[in-house]
Amino acid sequence: MTQMSTEEMKELVLNYVLKEYIDDEDAEIAYDTPLISSGYVDSFSMVSLLVFLENKFKIKIPSSKATPEAFDTVDNIVALVSQYL
């Protein structure tokens, strides 16, 4: 896979979150919007998001690093993924 820019990664993660977890079409989700602490993403969704990221980027994120804080915003998720690319 060709190297993806940070902006492309953010867009990919944001679109996935919007498509999979956000039922409210009026919800305004940005890269820094709290996803877990605002209730958009729950613990089950976090696991499926982790699997998506690992499959998409061909990485393995240790469970010790897959924390609610690490998954709370698109910015945090991309920073986490970048550590394992």
C-alpha atoms as a PDB file:
ATOM      1  CA  MET A   1       0.000   0.000   0.000  1.00  0.00           C
ATOM      2  CA  THR A   2       1.310   3.440  -0.836  1.00  0.00           C
ATOM      3  CA  GLN A   3       2.017   5.740   2.082  1.00  0.00           C
ATOM      4  CA  MET A   4      -1.033   7.754   3.031  1.00  0.00           C
ATOM      5  CA  SER A   5      -0.711  11.334   4.236  1.00  0.00           C
ATOM      6  CA  THR A   6      -1.922  12.260   7.703  1.00  0.00           C
ATOM      7  CA  GLU A   7      -4.784  14.229   6.172  1.00  0.00           C
ATOM      8  CA  GLU A   8      -5.825  11.251   4.034  1.00  0.00           C
ATOM      9  CA  MET A   9      -5.730   9.014   7.105  1.00  0.00           C
ATOM     10  CA  LYS A  10      -7.852  11.471   9.074  1.00  0.00           C
ATOM     11  CA  GLU A  11     -10.391  11.627   6.245  1.00  0.00           C
ATOM     12  CA  LEU A  12     -10.500   7.825   5.960  1.00  0.00           C
ATOM     13  CA  VAL A  13     -11.018   7.341   9.719  1.00  0.00           C
ATOM     14  CA  LEU A  14     -13.587  10.145   9.936  1.00  0.00           C
ATOM     15  CA  ASN A  15     -15.588   8.726   7.017  1.00  0.00           C
ATOM     16  CA  TYR A  16     -15.500   5.241   8.536  1.00  0.00           C
ATOM     17  CA  VAL A  17     -16.711   6.545  11.907  1.00  0.00           C
ATOM     18  CA  LEU A  18     -19.485   8.571  10.268  1.00  0.00           C
ATOM     19  CA  LYS A  19     -20.630   5.638   8.122  1.00  0.00           C
ATOM     20  CA  GLU A  20     -20.463   2.969  10.824  1.00  0.00           C
ATOM     21  CA  TYR A  21     -21.371   4.684  14.090  1.00  0.00           C
ATOM     22  CA  ILE A  22     -23.116   8.027  13.636  1.00  0.00           C
ATOM     23  CA  ASP A  23     -26.871   7.677  13.225  1.00  0.00           C
ATOM     24  CA  ASP A  24     -27.618  11.386  13.585  1.00  0.00           C
ATOM     25  CA  GLU A  25     -27.179  12.898  10.128  1.00  0.00           C
ATOM     26  CA  ASP A  26     -27.062  16.364  11.706  1.00  0.00           C
ATOM     27  CA  ALA A  27     -24.148  15.474  13.978  1.00  0.00           C
ATOM     28  CA  GLU A  28     -21.127  17.601  13.198  1.00  0.00           C
ATOM     29  CA  ILE A  29     -18.064  15.461  13.698  1.00  0.00           C
ATOM     30  CA  ALA A  30     -14.594  16.963  13.263  1.00  0.00           C
ATOM     31  CA  TYR A  31     -11.129  15.506  13.733  1.00  0.00           C
ATOM     32  CA  ASP A  32     -11.076  16.719  17.341  1.00  0.00           C
ATOM     33  CA  THR A  33     -14.673  15.812  18.276  1.00  0.00           C
ATOM     34  CA  PRO A  34     -14.755  13.508  21.329  1.00  0.00           C
ATOM     35  CA  LEU A  35     -16.181  10.241  20.010  1.00  0.00           C
ATOM     36  CA  ILE A  36     -16.223   8.007  23.069  1.00  0.00           C
ATOM     37  CA  SER A  37     -16.769  10.579  25.809  1.00  0.00           C
ATOM     38  CA  SER A  38     -19.630  12.078  23.747  1.00  0.00           C
ATOM     39  CA  GLY A  39     -21.240   8.664  23.288  1.00  0.00           C
ATOM     40  CA  TYR A  40     -20.805   8.378  19.515  1.00  0.00           C
ATOM     41  CA  VAL A  41     -18.544   5.319  19.831  1.00  0.00           C
ATOM     42  CA  ASP A  42     -18.999   2.666  22.534  1.00  0.00           C
ATOM     43  CA  SER A  43     -16.641  -0.097  23.630  1.00  0.00           C
ATOM     44  CA  PHE A  44     -18.010  -2.583  21.088  1.00  0.00           C
ATOM     45  CA  SER A  45     -17.617  -0.050  18.302  1.00  0.00           C
ATOM     46  CA  MET A  46     -14.093   0.664  19.489  1.00  0.00           C
ATOM     47  CA  VAL A  47     -13.187  -3.008  18.985  1.00  0.00           C
ATOM     48  CA  SER A  48     -14.582  -3.060  15.441  1.00  0.00           C
ATOM     49  CA  LEU A  49     -12.770   0.209  14.700  1.00  0.00           C
ATOM     50  CA  LEU A  50      -9.540  -1.352  15.976  1.00  0.00           C
ATOM     51  CA  VAL A  51     -10.015  -4.359  13.670  1.00  0.00           C
ATOM     52  CA  PHE A  52     -10.743  -2.031  10.741  1.00  0.00           C
ATOM     53  CA  LEU A  53      -7.560  -0.032  11.397  1.00  0.00           C
ATOM     54  CA  GLU A  54      -5.391  -3.129  11.800  1.00  0.00           C
ATOM     55  CA  ASN A  55      -6.728  -4.645   8.579  1.00  0.00           C
ATOM     56  CA  LYS A  56      -6.635  -1.416   6.581  1.00  0.00           C
ATOM     57  CA  PHE A  57      -3.100  -0.456   7.572  1.00  0.00           C
ATOM     58  CA  LYS A  58      -1.700  -3.988   8.036  1.00  0.00           C
ATOM     59  CA  ILE A  59      -0.592  -3.228  11.597  1.00  0.00           C
ATOM     60  CA  LYS A  60      -1.076  -4.716  15.052  1.00  0.00           C
ATOM     61  CA  ILE A  61      -2.008  -2.310  17.836  1.00  0.00           C
ATOM     62  CA  PRO A  62      -1.303  -3.771  21.295  1.00  0.00           C
ATOM     63  CA  SER A  63      -4.409  -3.969  23.475  1.00  0.00           C
ATOM     64  CA  SER A  64      -2.559  -1.933  26.116  1.00  0.00           C
ATOM     65  CA  LYS A  65      -2.473   0.972  23.638  1.00  0.00           C
ATOM     66  CA  ALA A  66      -6.087   0.615  22.452  1.00  0.00           C
ATOM     67  CA  THR A  67      -7.491   2.799  25.216  1.00  0.00           C
ATOM     68  CA  PRO A  68     -10.636   4.929  25.212  1.00  0.00           C
ATOM     69  CA  GLU A  69      -8.370   7.997  25.298  1.00  0.00           C
ATOM     70  CA  ALA A  70      -6.493   6.803  22.200  1.00  0.00           C
ATOM     71  CA  PHE A  71      -9.797   6.294  20.358  1.00  0.00           C
ATOM     72  CA  ASP A  72     -11.604   9.402  21.600  1.00  0.00           C
ATOM     73  CA  THR A  73     -10.898  11.617  18.577  1.00  0.00           C
ATOM     74  CA  VAL A  74      -9.944  11.071  14.954  1.00  0.00           C
ATOM     75  CA  ASP A  75      -6.731  12.997  15.685  1.00  0.00           C
ATOM     76  CA  ASN A  76      -5.864  10.578  18.513  1.00  0.00           C
ATOM     77  CA  ILE A  77      -6.701   7.525  16.379  1.00  0.00           C
ATOM     78  CA  VAL A  78      -4.465   8.698  13.533  1.00  0.00           C
ATOM     79  CA  ALA A  79      -1.641   9.461  15.976  1.00  0.00           C
ATOM     80  CA  LEU A  80      -1.973   5.933  17.380  1.00  0.00           C
ATOM     81  CA  VAL A  81      -2.008   4.299  13.932  1.00  0.00           C
ATOM     82  CA  SER A  82       1.005   6.354  12.859  1.00  0.00           C
ATOM     83  CA  GLN A  83       3.064   4.849  15.688  1.00  0.00           C
ATOM     84  CA  TYR A  84       2.688   1.390  14.117  1.00  0.00           C
ATOM     85  CA  LEU A  85       3.091   2.173  10.422  1.00  0.00           C
END
